[in-house]
Amino acid sequence: MRLNKLHNIVPIQLELVAFLLLIFIIWYTYNNFPSLPDAIPTHFNLEGTADGWGRKGEIFIIAGTGIFTYLLITGVCVALSLVKDPKTLINLPNFIKDRISSEKAEDLRNIMVRCLYAMKLLIMSLYAFLVYGSIQTALNNWSGLGYWPVVFIPLILGLAFLMVYHSLRLAYSK
């Protein structure tokens, strides 16, 4: 089956780490929900200080978007691995796409899937930090999130740039 190809592209340990982060997000949210005050921080400024507050049930929005993101990226990776002809994944003019060998197209698929899995790992780390930090701030154990969420932004954007760069470099190489 083609899903075996997915595990040949991406080590199962990478998926396991992202999955464990997802489990942590769900567990930590539900485990701490009863002890949360009625108002929790829902927005933080660039310094990591809470500047928006909402009902405690809004903590499930962070957890829910984390679950949705995990499922979405996982679904895209599975779909990419199931495509029989990886050339159909390449969004370039046909005259360029026709010059790409099957081996290069397969390499492009591998790059996309690996980068998406790394992206999922970064994003799930960010969601785990946001859930943990929001709950700790709501419980007055932390004064805010600090600058850590801002660190994730260049990492995520850098990975997206790297994926596009490697994909184009491979597609246009001879």
Protein backbone atom coordinates (compact mmCIF):
# COMPACT_ATOMS: atom_id res chain seq x y z
CA MET A 1 0.00 0.00 0.00
CA ARG A 2 1.14 3.56 -0.68
CA LEU A 3 0.87 4.55 3.00
CA ASN A 4 3.98 2.44 3.59
CA LYS A 5 5.69 4.95 1.32
CA LEU A 6 4.72 7.69 3.79
CA HIS A 7 6.60 5.96 6.59
CA ASN A 8 9.60 5.53 4.30
CA ILE A 9 9.60 9.30 3.69
CA VAL A 10 9.09 10.40 7.30
CA PRO A 11 10.35 8.55 10.38
CA ILE A 12 7.53 7.36 12.61
CA GLN A 13 9.27 9.04 15.58
CA LEU A 14 8.52 12.46 14.08
CA GLU A 15 4.84 11.60 13.86
CA LEU A 16 4.93 10.18 17.38
CA VAL A 17 6.29 13.43 18.82
CA ALA A 18 3.57 15.49 17.09
CA PHE A 19 0.92 13.01 18.24
CA LEU A 20 2.17 13.15 21.83
CA LEU A 21 2.01 16.95 21.70
CA LEU A 22 -1.59 16.65 20.53
CA ILE A 23 -2.39 14.27 23.39
CA PHE A 24 -0.73 16.69 25.82
CA ILE A 25 -2.84 19.58 24.51
CA ILE A 26 -6.07 17.62 24.96
CA TRP A 27 -5.09 16.16 28.35
CA TYR A 28 -3.76 19.41 29.81
CA THR A 29 -6.78 21.40 28.67
CA TYR A 30 -9.36 18.98 30.09
CA ASN A 31 -7.35 18.25 33.24
CA ASN A 32 -7.00 21.93 34.17
CA PHE A 33 -10.37 23.23 32.99
CA PRO A 34 -12.18 22.78 36.35
CA SER A 35 -9.54 24.78 38.25
CA LEU A 36 -9.51 27.71 35.81
CA PRO A 37 -10.99 31.02 36.94
CA ASP A 38 -14.06 32.32 35.10
CA ALA A 39 -11.89 34.75 33.08
CA ILE A 40 -8.78 33.53 31.27
CA PRO A 41 -6.31 35.29 28.98
CA THR A 42 -7.35 34.95 25.34
CA HIS A 43 -4.86 37.29 23.73
CA PHE A 44 -1.27 38.27 24.43
CA ASN A 45 0.70 41.24 23.10
CA LEU A 46 4.16 40.93 21.52
CA GLU A 47 5.77 41.06 24.95
CA GLY A 48 3.73 38.03 26.02
CA THR A 49 1.54 39.94 28.46
CA ALA A 50 -2.16 39.11 28.51
CA ASP A 51 -4.15 41.97 27.00
CA GLY A 52 -7.43 40.20 26.24
CA TRP A 53 -9.65 38.14 28.51
CA GLY A 54 -12.57 35.83 27.90
CA ARG A 55 -14.63 33.03 29.43
CA LYS A 56 -12.74 29.97 30.59
CA GLY A 57 -14.46 27.80 27.98
CA GLU A 58 -12.47 29.65 25.33
CA ILE A 59 -9.42 27.56 26.25
CA PHE A 60 -11.05 24.84 24.14
CA ILE A 61 -10.67 27.08 21.07
CA ILE A 62 -6.88 26.79 21.29
CA ALA A 63 -7.10 23.03 21.85
CA GLY A 64 -9.68 22.65 19.07
CA THR A 65 -7.64 24.55 16.51
CA GLY A 66 -4.62 22.46 17.50
CA ILE A 67 -6.60 19.27 16.86
CA PHE A 68 -7.91 20.63 13.56
CA THR A 69 -4.41 21.66 12.43
CA TYR A 70 -2.96 18.27 13.34
CA LEU A 71 -5.68 16.43 11.42
CA LEU A 72 -5.45 18.78 8.43
CA ILE A 73 -1.69 18.47 7.98
CA THR A 74 -1.81 14.71 8.58
CA GLY A 75 -4.57 14.40 5.98
CA VAL A 76 -2.62 16.42 3.44
CA CYS A 77 0.48 14.26 4.00
CA VAL A 78 -1.52 11.06 3.60
CA ALA A 79 -3.18 12.43 0.46
CA LEU A 80 0.23 13.40 -0.96
CA SER A 81 1.53 9.90 -0.36
CA LEU A 82 -1.50 8.32 -2.06
CA VAL A 83 -1.18 10.29 -5.32
CA LYS A 84 0.02 7.86 -7.99
CA ASP A 85 1.74 10.43 -10.20
CA PRO A 86 3.59 13.01 -8.11
CA LYS A 87 3.85 15.28 -11.17
CA THR A 88 0.19 16.18 -10.61
CA LEU A 89 1.28 17.84 -7.35
CA ILE A 90 3.63 20.25 -9.10
CA ASN A 91 2.15 23.68 -9.66
CA LEU A 92 4.33 24.82 -12.53
CA PRO A 93 3.63 25.48 -16.23
CA ASN A 94 3.24 22.28 -18.25
CA PHE A 95 6.34 22.90 -20.38
CA ILE A 96 8.43 22.84 -17.19
CA LYS A 97 6.48 20.00 -15.61
CA ASP A 98 7.01 17.84 -18.71
CA ARG A 99 10.80 18.15 -18.33
CA ILE A 100 10.72 16.80 -14.77
CA SER A 101 11.62 13.14 -14.52
CA SER A 102 9.60 10.71 -12.43
CA GLU A 103 12.51 10.47 -10.00
CA LYS A 104 12.60 14.25 -9.53
CA ALA A 105 8.83 14.32 -9.08
CA GLU A 106 9.16 11.67 -6.39
CA ASP A 107 11.90 13.72 -4.73
CA LEU A 108 9.59 16.75 -4.79
CA ARG A 109 6.88 14.71 -3.08
CA ASN A 110 9.37 13.63 -0.43
CA ILE A 111 10.45 17.23 0.19
CA MET A 112 6.85 18.41 0.54
CA VAL A 113 5.86 15.61 2.92
CA ARG A 114 8.99 15.98 5.08
CA CYS A 115 8.58 19.73 5.33
CA LEU A 116 4.89 19.41 6.16
CA TYR A 117 5.66 16.95 8.93
CA ALA A 118 8.32 19.29 10.33
CA MET A 119 5.80 22.13 10.05
CA LYS A 120 3.26 20.05 11.95
CA LEU A 121 5.81 19.44 14.68
CA LEU A 122 6.55 23.16 15.00
CA ILE A 123 2.88 24.13 14.98
CA MET A 124 1.92 21.48 17.52
CA SER A 125 4.79 22.69 19.75
CA LEU A 126 3.40 26.20 19.48
CA TYR A 127 -0.14 25.07 20.36
CA ALA A 128 1.16 23.05 23.32
CA PHE A 129 3.06 26.09 24.57
CA LEU A 130 0.02 28.35 24.09
CA VAL A 131 -2.29 26.00 25.99
CA TYR A 132 0.22 25.48 28.79
CA GLY A 133 1.12 29.17 29.02
CA SER A 134 -2.48 30.38 28.86
CA ILE A 135 -3.51 28.05 31.66
CA GLN A 136 -0.46 28.92 33.77
CA THR A 137 -1.18 32.63 33.27
CA ALA A 138 -4.86 32.14 34.13
CA LEU A 139 -3.86 30.33 37.33
CA ASN A 140 -1.46 33.20 38.20
CA ASN A 141 1.57 30.90 38.05
CA TRP A 142 3.04 32.91 35.17
CA SER A 143 2.84 36.63 34.47
CA GLY A 144 2.52 35.96 30.72
CA LEU A 145 3.96 33.97 27.86
CA GLY A 146 7.12 35.99 27.38
CA TYR A 147 8.67 36.24 23.94
CA TRP A 148 8.60 32.50 23.17
CA PRO A 149 5.59 32.53 20.80
CA VAL A 150 7.40 35.09 18.64
CA VAL A 151 10.28 32.62 18.23
CA PHE A 152 7.97 30.16 16.47
CA ILE A 153 6.98 32.62 13.74
CA PRO A 154 10.38 32.86 12.00
CA LEU A 155 10.86 29.11 12.42
CA ILE A 156 7.54 28.35 10.71
CA LEU A 157 8.10 30.95 7.98
CA GLY A 158 11.68 29.79 7.49
CA LEU A 159 10.55 26.20 7.05
CA ALA A 160 7.90 27.29 4.52
CA PHE A 161 10.56 29.25 2.61
CA LEU A 162 12.91 26.25 2.73
CA MET A 163 10.20 23.98 1.33
CA VAL A 164 9.48 26.34 -1.56
CA TYR A 165 13.19 26.93 -2.22
CA HIS A 166 14.08 23.23 -2.34
CA SER A 167 11.02 22.42 -4.42
CA LEU A 168 11.79 25.09 -7.02
CA ARG A 169 15.49 24.25 -7.05
CA LEU A 170 14.71 20.60 -7.71
CA ALA A 171 12.03 21.38 -10.27
CA TYR A 172 14.26 23.73 -12.28
CA SER A 173 17.46 21.65 -12.05
CA LYS A 174 18.53 19.64 -15.06
